[in-house]
Protein backbone atom coordinates (compact mmCIF):
# COMPACT_ATOMS: atom_id res chain seq x y z
CA MET A 1 -4.28 -5.03 9.85
CA ARG A 2 -1.07 -7.35 9.57
CA VAL A 3 0.46 -8.78 6.59
CA LEU A 4 2.95 -11.40 6.98
CA LEU A 5 4.45 -11.77 3.85
CA ALA A 6 6.60 -15.08 3.52
CA ARG A 7 9.10 -16.59 0.77
CA HIS A 8 8.80 -20.36 -0.05
CA GLY A 9 10.94 -22.89 1.39
CA GLU A 10 14.20 -24.22 -0.40
CA THR A 11 13.67 -26.21 -3.29
CA PRO A 12 16.49 -28.93 -5.08
CA TRP A 13 16.85 -26.09 -7.65
CA ASN A 14 17.16 -23.35 -5.20
CA ALA A 15 20.07 -25.36 -3.42
CA GLU A 16 21.95 -25.92 -6.71
CA GLY A 17 21.33 -22.09 -7.95
CA ARG A 18 18.75 -22.87 -10.87
CA TYR A 19 16.53 -20.56 -11.93
CA GLN A 20 13.12 -21.81 -11.33
CA GLY A 21 10.42 -18.98 -12.21
CA GLN A 22 7.04 -20.61 -13.07
CA GLU A 23 8.51 -24.39 -13.23
CA ASP A 24 6.47 -26.08 -10.71
CA ILE A 25 9.69 -27.36 -8.32
CA PRO A 26 8.35 -28.98 -5.01
CA LEU A 27 10.03 -28.62 -1.62
CA SER A 28 13.20 -30.07 -0.88
CA PRO A 29 13.23 -31.96 2.77
CA ILE A 30 15.07 -28.88 4.21
CA GLY A 31 12.47 -26.83 2.47
CA GLU A 32 10.02 -28.62 4.34
CA ALA A 33 11.44 -28.50 7.29
CA GLN A 34 12.02 -24.74 7.29
CA ALA A 35 8.00 -24.20 6.52
CA ARG A 36 7.48 -26.30 9.59
CA ALA A 37 9.76 -24.20 11.74
CA LEU A 38 7.75 -21.32 10.27
CA GLY A 39 4.56 -23.09 11.38
CA GLU A 40 6.34 -23.20 14.96
CA ARG A 41 7.02 -19.96 14.87
CA LEU A 42 3.52 -18.83 13.93
CA HIS A 43 1.81 -21.38 16.10
CA ALA A 44 0.68 -18.67 18.66
CA VAL A 45 -0.45 -16.24 15.76
CA PRO A 46 -4.19 -15.62 14.93
CA ILE A 47 -4.54 -15.70 11.44
CA ALA A 48 -7.27 -14.74 9.93
CA ARG A 49 -6.66 -15.38 6.23
CA ALA A 50 -3.97 -17.30 4.26
CA VAL A 51 -3.15 -16.43 0.58
CA ALA A 52 -0.48 -18.42 -1.54
CA SER A 53 0.95 -18.35 -4.97
CA PRO A 54 -0.69 -21.98 -6.33
CA LEU A 55 3.05 -23.16 -7.25
CA SER A 56 3.50 -26.22 -5.21
CA ARG A 57 6.54 -24.79 -3.05
CA ALA A 58 4.76 -21.48 -2.12
CA ARG A 59 1.28 -23.52 -1.35
CA THR A 60 3.14 -26.36 0.37
CA THR A 61 5.07 -23.95 2.60
CA ALA A 62 1.70 -22.44 3.31
CA GLU A 63 0.22 -25.36 4.06
CA LEU A 64 2.93 -26.73 6.25
CA ALA A 65 3.09 -23.42 8.25
CA LEU A 66 -0.52 -23.52 8.80
CA GLY A 67 -0.80 -26.94 10.14
CA ASP A 68 -4.57 -27.92 11.59
CA ARG A 69 -5.52 -23.86 9.73
CA ALA A 70 -4.54 -25.16 6.32
CA GLY A 71 -8.23 -24.81 5.30
CA LEU A 72 -7.89 -21.13 5.42
CA LEU A 73 -5.56 -21.49 2.70
CA ALA A 74 -6.41 -19.82 -0.89
CA THR A 75 -4.38 -19.45 -3.64
CA ASP A 76 -4.00 -16.41 -6.36
CA ALA A 77 -2.14 -16.90 -9.64
CA GLY A 78 -1.14 -13.20 -8.95
CA LEU A 79 1.18 -14.29 -6.38
CA MET A 80 3.31 -16.53 -9.09
CA GLU A 81 7.09 -16.15 -9.54
CA ILE A 82 8.54 -14.00 -12.19
CA GLY A 83 8.21 -16.23 -15.47
CA HIS A 84 11.91 -16.60 -16.47
CA GLY A 85 11.33 -17.74 -19.99
CA GLU A 86 14.10 -19.47 -21.53
CA TRP A 87 16.03 -19.06 -18.30
CA GLU A 88 14.04 -21.67 -16.63
CA GLY A 89 16.09 -24.79 -15.31
CA LEU A 90 19.06 -22.80 -16.28
CA LEU A 91 22.07 -22.12 -13.95
CA ALA A 92 23.75 -18.63 -13.48
CA SER A 93 26.66 -20.11 -15.11
CA GLU A 94 24.88 -21.53 -18.38
CA ILE A 95 22.87 -18.13 -18.56
CA ARG A 96 26.24 -16.55 -18.23
CA GLU A 97 27.67 -18.51 -21.47
CA ARG A 98 24.38 -18.03 -23.30
CA ASP A 99 22.90 -14.33 -22.32
CA PRO A 100 25.53 -12.54 -21.02
CA GLU A 101 24.35 -9.00 -21.25
CA ARG A 102 20.91 -9.91 -20.18
CA LEU A 103 22.30 -11.22 -17.00
CA ARG A 104 24.47 -8.71 -16.45
CA ALA A 105 21.59 -5.99 -16.73
CA TRP A 106 19.76 -8.29 -14.45
CA ARG A 107 22.37 -7.97 -12.03
CA GLU A 108 22.85 -4.07 -12.25
CA ALA A 109 19.43 -2.90 -13.89
CA PRO A 110 17.05 -5.43 -13.08
CA GLU A 111 14.15 -2.81 -14.14
CA THR A 112 15.31 -2.91 -17.88
CA VAL A 113 15.12 -6.53 -18.08
CA LEU A 114 12.31 -8.45 -20.13
CA MET A 115 12.94 -12.44 -19.86
CA PRO A 116 13.72 -13.81 -22.93
CA GLY A 117 11.27 -16.18 -24.90
CA GLU A 118 7.57 -17.35 -23.82
CA GLY A 119 6.23 -16.29 -20.87
CA GLY A 120 9.37 -14.12 -20.07
CA GLU A 121 8.26 -10.91 -17.58
CA SER A 122 9.71 -8.06 -16.32
CA LEU A 123 9.67 -6.70 -12.88
CA GLN A 124 6.82 -4.38 -13.58
CA GLN A 125 4.30 -7.04 -15.10
CA VAL A 126 5.08 -8.81 -12.02
CA PHE A 127 3.96 -5.91 -9.88
CA ASP A 128 1.41 -5.24 -11.96
CA ARG A 129 -0.37 -8.86 -11.11
CA ALA A 130 1.05 -9.08 -7.85
CA TRP A 131 -0.12 -5.60 -6.20
CA PRO A 132 -3.53 -6.17 -7.21
CA ALA A 133 -3.28 -9.92 -5.74
CA LEU A 134 -2.13 -8.40 -2.36
CA GLN A 135 -4.97 -6.19 -2.19
CA ARG A 136 -7.50 -9.16 -3.11
CA ALA A 137 -5.95 -10.90 0.04
CA GLY A 138 -6.55 -7.89 1.95
CA GLU A 139 -9.87 -6.69 1.27
CA GLY A 140 -12.06 -6.40 4.44
CA LEU A 141 -9.54 -7.36 6.89
CA ALA A 142 -9.99 -5.64 10.33
CA SER A 143 -7.45 -3.55 11.82
CA ASP A 144 -6.56 -6.24 14.66
CA GLU A 145 -6.90 -9.42 11.90
CA THR A 146 -3.46 -10.85 10.31
CA LEU A 147 -3.16 -11.99 6.59
CA LEU A 148 -0.60 -14.56 5.83
CA VAL A 149 0.73 -14.42 2.20
CA VAL A 150 3.29 -17.09 1.02
CA ALA A 151 4.57 -16.11 -2.57
CA HIS A 152 8.41 -15.72 -3.91
CA ASP A 153 11.35 -13.96 -4.34
CA ALA A 154 10.66 -11.60 -7.23
CA VAL A 155 6.95 -11.17 -5.91
CA ASN A 156 7.94 -10.16 -2.45
CA ARG A 157 10.98 -7.74 -3.73
CA VAL A 158 8.74 -5.88 -5.77
CA ILE A 159 6.04 -5.30 -3.41
CA LEU A 160 8.62 -4.50 -0.64
CA CYS A 161 10.34 -2.18 -2.96
CA HIS A 162 6.82 -0.40 -3.54
CA LEU A 163 6.11 0.20 -0.12
CA LEU A 164 9.65 1.11 0.98
CA GLY A 165 9.24 3.85 -2.08
CA ILE A 166 12.54 2.48 -3.58
CA PRO A 167 12.90 1.49 -7.59
CA PHE A 168 12.88 -1.61 -8.90
CA ARG A 169 16.77 -1.21 -9.48
CA ARG A 170 17.53 -1.49 -6.20
CA LEU A 171 15.93 -4.71 -5.91
CA TRP A 172 18.95 -6.72 -4.78
CA THR A 173 19.64 -4.28 -1.70
CA PHE A 174 17.86 -6.45 0.81
CA ARG A 175 17.33 -10.09 0.92
CA GLN A 176 14.59 -12.78 0.45
CA ALA A 177 15.56 -16.03 2.42
CA PRO A 178 13.48 -19.41 2.19
CA THR A 179 10.72 -19.28 4.20
CA THR A 180 11.77 -15.42 5.53
CA LEU A 181 8.85 -13.32 7.16
CA ASN A 182 8.20 -9.77 6.23
CA LEU A 183 5.78 -8.01 8.67
CA LEU A 184 3.63 -5.35 7.28
CA GLU A 185 1.20 -3.14 9.24
CA GLY A 186 -1.26 -0.64 8.45
CA ASP A 187 -4.79 0.68 7.96
CA ARG A 188 -5.17 -0.87 4.27
CA VAL A 189 -2.76 -2.45 1.92
CA GLU A 190 -2.03 0.91 0.06
CA THR A 191 -0.65 2.14 3.36
CA LEU A 192 1.12 -1.02 4.91
CA ASP A 193 4.46 0.10 6.53
CA VAL A 194 7.40 -2.32 6.44
CA VAL A 195 7.95 -3.55 10.24
CA ARG A 196 10.33 -6.39 9.77
CA LEU A 197 12.43 -7.52 6.84
CA ASN A 198 13.83 -10.68 5.94
CA ASP A 199 13.08 -12.20 9.33
CA CYS A 200 14.25 -15.82 9.08
CA GLY A 201 15.11 -16.27 12.84
CA HIS A 202 13.14 -19.63 13.07
CA HIS A 203 15.63 -21.31 11.20
CA THR A 204 18.59 -18.90 11.08
CA ALA A 205 20.77 -17.57 13.72
CA LEU A 206 21.26 -13.96 14.01
CA PHE A 207 24.50 -13.93 12.40
CA GLY A 208 24.16 -16.90 10.55
CA GLU A 209 23.84 -17.01 6.20
CA ALA A 210 20.19 -17.49 5.01
CA VAL A 211 21.31 -19.38 1.85
CA HIS A 212 19.82 -17.58 -1.58
CA ARG A 213 21.33 -19.04 -4.42
CA ALA A 214 19.71 -17.52 -7.38
CA LEU A 215 16.17 -15.73 -8.31
């Protein structure tokens, strides 16, 4: 099977560098354009199944990318972004003032962090729901079929860390740009190889900067 693991397009909060978490922030006009560019890139790719996070920024990205194939789309709450708890809606500068030690740990040892307050999650908790969601999405797919999954930064990162065999502490050693594509291939979800990582050629030049402000 082939899995196209994508991130949603830019939102106004992405552009401002605000932590979104599970706040349901819609795409910005730039994010909608990125999603349509993704759709142009995937226009000739046969897609057998598509699953997205139910948060509107991911669901709308998938719908715009699929175009007239949007009827394929299902959602799975297991693919929702990490719950940032009390950080949601805040800029990194505001978090640095209110919760500096946890923010430092988030950047230096992210695997140790439990996000503060109601709904706050750890990376392990995200993985424990996102991996089964990926397994459900890929169940029964034939070797020559392609699955599109549209999720979020933290979700993609923990899945990719697992597939690459690297610990969550190395979460920040690769990027996940808006509407980026990660191509995964294998006989089943458990044996997927990472073929392409953070491919955003549909909207960013090879040596351009695909903007990523905050997770």
